[in-house]
Amino acid sequence: MINFSDLIKAVPRHHRKEAKVVVKELYKKGYLNRKPGIRKEFRYSLKIERKKEIDLLIKKDTFNV
């Protein structure tokens, strides 16, 4: 699990706004787990039960959000 703010910090500055949208969309589409974290922010992780599907999408480079 990773805090939302730490996840966004891992992205280059010029893509951070877009990354925030992508993380929220991935959660809505069921690819991410979300739990409350510290400082009133959420912690995210990939859903293990969708790992094969995620791997296929990454391999095909068809991961559209």
C-alpha atoms as a PDB file:
ATOM      1  CA  MET A   1       0.000   0.000   0.000  1.00  0.00           C
ATOM      2  CA  ILE A   2       1.150   3.517  -0.741  1.00  0.00           C
ATOM      3  CA  ASN A   3      -0.222   6.874   0.367  1.00  0.00           C
ATOM      4  CA  PHE A   4      -1.830   8.886  -2.399  1.00  0.00           C
ATOM      5  CA  SER A   5       0.586  11.792  -1.894  1.00  0.00           C
ATOM      6  CA  ASP A   6       3.623   9.488  -2.077  1.00  0.00           C
ATOM      7  CA  LEU A   7       2.264   7.855  -5.212  1.00  0.00           C
ATOM      8  CA  ILE A   8       1.841  11.226  -6.909  1.00  0.00           C
ATOM      9  CA  LYS A   9       5.348  12.328  -5.840  1.00  0.00           C
ATOM     10  CA  ALA A  10       6.747   9.394  -7.823  1.00  0.00           C
ATOM     11  CA  VAL A  11       5.388  10.948 -11.036  1.00  0.00           C
ATOM     12  CA  PRO A  12       7.241  13.758 -12.857  1.00  0.00           C
ATOM     13  CA  ARG A  13       5.863  17.194 -11.914  1.00  0.00           C
ATOM     14  CA  HIS A  14       4.441  17.929 -15.344  1.00  0.00           C
ATOM     15  CA  HIS A  15       2.271  14.752 -15.196  1.00  0.00           C
ATOM     16  CA  ARG A  16       1.023  14.951 -11.601  1.00  0.00           C
ATOM     17  CA  LYS A  17      -2.352  16.504 -12.363  1.00  0.00           C
ATOM     18  CA  GLU A  18      -3.040  13.763 -14.902  1.00  0.00           C
ATOM     19  CA  ALA A  19      -1.769  11.084 -12.481  1.00  0.00           C
ATOM     20  CA  LYS A  20      -4.300  12.160  -9.856  1.00  0.00           C
ATOM     21  CA  VAL A  21      -7.116  11.634 -12.351  1.00  0.00           C
ATOM     22  CA  VAL A  22      -5.718   8.270 -13.472  1.00  0.00           C
ATOM     23  CA  VAL A  23      -5.450   6.911  -9.917  1.00  0.00           C
ATOM     24  CA  LYS A  24      -9.055   7.866  -9.199  1.00  0.00           C
ATOM     25  CA  GLU A  25     -10.225   6.279 -12.467  1.00  0.00           C
ATOM     26  CA  LEU A  26      -8.296   3.062 -11.801  1.00  0.00           C
ATOM     27  CA  TYR A  27     -10.009   2.844  -8.422  1.00  0.00           C
ATOM     28  CA  LYS A  28     -13.442   3.422  -9.992  1.00  0.00           C
ATOM     29  CA  LYS A  29     -12.762   0.696 -12.596  1.00  0.00           C
ATOM     30  CA  GLY A  30     -11.817  -1.785  -9.868  1.00  0.00           C
ATOM     31  CA  TYR A  31      -8.059  -2.112 -10.436  1.00  0.00           C
ATOM     32  CA  LEU A  32      -7.043  -0.614  -7.074  1.00  0.00           C
ATOM     33  CA  ASN A  33      -7.834  -1.220  -3.431  1.00  0.00           C
ATOM     34  CA  ARG A  34      -8.248   1.848  -1.260  1.00  0.00           C
ATOM     35  CA  LYS A  35      -8.040   2.148   2.527  1.00  0.00           C
ATOM     36  CA  PRO A  36      -8.008   5.154   4.833  1.00  0.00           C
ATOM     37  CA  GLY A  37      -4.499   6.248   5.730  1.00  0.00           C
ATOM     38  CA  ILE A  38      -2.948   8.863   7.918  1.00  0.00           C
ATOM     39  CA  ARG A  39      -3.505  12.605   7.448  1.00  0.00           C
ATOM     40  CA  LYS A  40      -6.970  11.994   5.991  1.00  0.00           C
ATOM     41  CA  GLU A  41      -5.624  10.570   2.735  1.00  0.00           C
ATOM     42  CA  PHE A  42      -6.171   7.179   1.151  1.00  0.00           C
ATOM     43  CA  ARG A  43      -3.653   4.373   0.652  1.00  0.00           C
ATOM     44  CA  TYR A  44      -3.762   2.439  -2.627  1.00  0.00           C
ATOM     45  CA  SER A  45      -2.621  -0.965  -3.846  1.00  0.00           C
ATOM     46  CA  LEU A  46      -3.294  -3.108  -6.908  1.00  0.00           C
ATOM     47  CA  LYS A  47      -6.035  -5.695  -6.542  1.00  0.00           C
ATOM     48  CA  ILE A  48      -4.296  -9.061  -6.494  1.00  0.00           C
ATOM     49  CA  GLU A  49      -7.344 -10.822  -7.949  1.00  0.00           C
ATOM     50  CA  ARG A  50      -6.988  -8.694 -11.116  1.00  0.00           C
ATOM     51  CA  LYS A  51      -3.213  -9.181 -11.446  1.00  0.00           C
ATOM     52  CA  LYS A  52      -3.403 -11.382 -14.550  1.00  0.00           C
ATOM     53  CA  GLU A  53      -5.706  -8.909 -16.272  1.00  0.00           C
ATOM     54  CA  ILE A  54      -3.472  -5.962 -15.304  1.00  0.00           C
ATOM     55  CA  ASP A  55      -0.358  -7.791 -16.533  1.00  0.00           C
ATOM     56  CA  LEU A  56      -2.040  -8.512 -19.881  1.00  0.00           C
ATOM     57  CA  LEU A  57      -3.124  -4.916 -20.322  1.00  0.00           C
ATOM     58  CA  ILE A  58       0.375  -3.636 -19.551  1.00  0.00           C
ATOM     59  CA  LYS A  59       1.980  -6.172 -21.874  1.00  0.00           C
ATOM     60  CA  LYS A  60      -0.365  -5.209 -24.724  1.00  0.00           C
ATOM     61  CA  ASP A  61       0.086  -1.502 -23.891  1.00  0.00           C
ATOM     62  CA  THR A  62      -3.685  -1.110 -24.029  1.00  0.00           C
ATOM     63  CA  PHE A  63      -4.241   0.189 -20.531  1.00  0.00           C
ATOM     64  CA  ASN A  64      -6.705   2.977 -21.280  1.00  0.00           C
ATOM     65  CA  VAL A  65      -8.368   4.741 -18.413  1.00  0.00           C
END
